[in-house]
Protein backbone atom coordinates (compact mmCIF):
# COMPACT_ATOMS: atom_id res chain seq x y z
CA MET A 1 -19.40 25.33 60.02
CA TYR A 2 -19.29 29.26 59.38
CA VAL A 3 -22.15 31.76 59.99
CA GLY A 4 -22.04 35.12 58.25
CA THR A 5 -24.36 38.11 58.67
CA LEU A 6 -25.03 41.29 57.27
CA SER A 7 -27.10 44.39 58.19
CA PHE A 8 -27.69 47.21 55.76
CA ASP A 9 -28.98 50.60 57.13
CA LEU A 10 -30.46 52.26 53.84
CA LEU A 11 -32.08 55.70 53.16
CA LEU A 12 -34.62 55.30 50.58
CA GLY A 13 -34.98 57.94 48.05
CA ASP A 14 -38.32 59.69 47.01
CA VAL A 15 -40.59 57.44 49.22
CA ARG A 16 -43.58 58.99 50.64
CA SER A 17 -45.40 56.06 52.23
CA LEU A 18 -45.05 52.74 53.88
CA LYS A 19 -46.75 51.10 50.96
CA GLU A 20 -43.81 52.83 48.77
CA LYS A 21 -41.33 51.56 51.00
CA ARG A 22 -42.38 47.91 50.74
CA SER A 23 -42.00 48.30 46.66
CA VAL A 24 -38.41 49.36 47.05
CA VAL A 25 -37.56 47.02 49.98
CA ARG A 26 -39.32 43.72 48.82
CA PRO A 27 -37.61 43.52 45.40
CA ILE A 28 -34.06 43.86 47.00
CA VAL A 29 -34.80 41.24 49.70
CA ALA A 30 -36.19 38.99 47.01
CA GLU A 31 -33.40 39.46 44.57
CA LEU A 32 -30.72 38.58 47.75
CA HIS A 33 -32.68 35.58 48.45
CA ARG A 34 -33.11 34.36 44.70
CA LYS A 35 -29.51 35.21 43.48
CA TYR A 36 -27.51 34.02 46.69
CA ALA A 37 -29.60 31.65 48.37
CA VAL A 38 -29.54 33.73 51.68
CA SER A 39 -31.96 34.41 54.38
CA ALA A 40 -32.99 38.18 54.23
CA ALA A 41 -35.81 40.28 55.76
CA GLU A 42 -36.36 43.79 56.59
CA VAL A 43 -35.47 43.67 60.33
CA ASP A 44 -35.89 47.37 61.72
CA HIS A 45 -37.50 50.75 61.02
CA MET A 46 -40.42 49.25 59.69
CA ASP A 47 -42.38 52.45 60.81
CA LEU A 48 -40.36 54.84 59.13
CA HIS A 49 -41.13 55.24 55.42
CA ARG A 50 -37.59 56.55 54.51
CA ARG A 51 -35.32 54.23 56.33
CA ALA A 52 -34.87 50.33 56.15
CA VAL A 53 -32.42 47.85 57.67
CA ILE A 54 -32.27 44.77 55.71
CA GLY A 55 -30.40 41.51 57.43
CA LEU A 56 -29.45 38.57 55.72
CA ALA A 57 -27.61 35.48 57.14
CA LEU A 58 -25.55 32.85 55.58
CA VAL A 59 -24.22 29.27 56.53
CA SER A 60 -21.48 27.52 54.83
CA GLY A 61 -18.93 24.76 55.44
CA ASP A 62 -16.17 27.05 53.67
CA ALA A 63 -15.00 30.25 55.02
CA GLY A 64 -13.84 31.64 51.43
CA HIS A 65 -17.23 30.82 50.11
CA LEU A 66 -19.10 32.59 52.83
CA SER A 67 -16.84 35.74 52.63
CA ASP A 68 -17.42 35.78 48.69
CA VAL A 69 -21.27 35.65 48.83
CA LEU A 70 -21.44 38.31 51.59
CA ASP A 71 -19.21 40.60 49.29
CA ARG A 72 -21.49 40.06 46.22
CA CYS A 73 -24.69 40.74 48.62
CA GLU A 74 -22.96 44.24 49.83
CA ARG A 75 -22.06 44.92 46.19
CA LEU A 76 -25.68 44.14 45.08
CA VAL A 77 -27.32 46.34 47.54
CA ALA A 78 -24.60 49.14 47.08
CA GLY A 79 -25.46 49.24 43.69
CA ARG A 80 -29.16 49.77 43.51
CA PRO A 81 -29.72 53.33 42.69
CA GLU A 82 -33.15 53.71 44.61
CA VAL A 83 -31.37 53.61 48.12
CA GLU A 84 -28.36 55.30 49.55
CA LEU A 85 -26.30 52.47 51.75
CA LEU A 86 -25.73 54.46 54.96
CA SER A 87 -23.90 51.69 56.73
CA VAL A 88 -23.10 47.93 56.39
CA ARG A 89 -22.36 45.90 59.44
CA ARG A 90 -20.68 42.34 59.08
CA ARG A 91 -20.28 39.56 61.57
CA PHE A 92 -18.55 36.36 61.00
CA HIS A 93 -18.76 33.29 63.26
CA GLY A 94 -16.25 30.51 62.77
CA GLU A 95 -15.51 27.12 64.41
CA ASP A 96 -13.20 29.01 67.08
CA ASP A 97 -16.11 30.99 68.37
């Protein structure tokens, strides 16, 4: 069994309220969940309207599949024009851990 996680630190564009922030973050989280069947949520900076951290996790029996899905998720978030991806933290836990 392999577990992979990603944490995206995002700077949001022209967002002036927490309500506007939700309208940017929620579709990203929903698309990650829908397209790649990962568990995803906003996990930090919830009280700041121009910053967000989205975390996601995936469990797989195949390390190659896990790595491929995490790469696709990273490309999806990096390609969103309404956010600037400040950093990505990737963690991978295998059977040897």
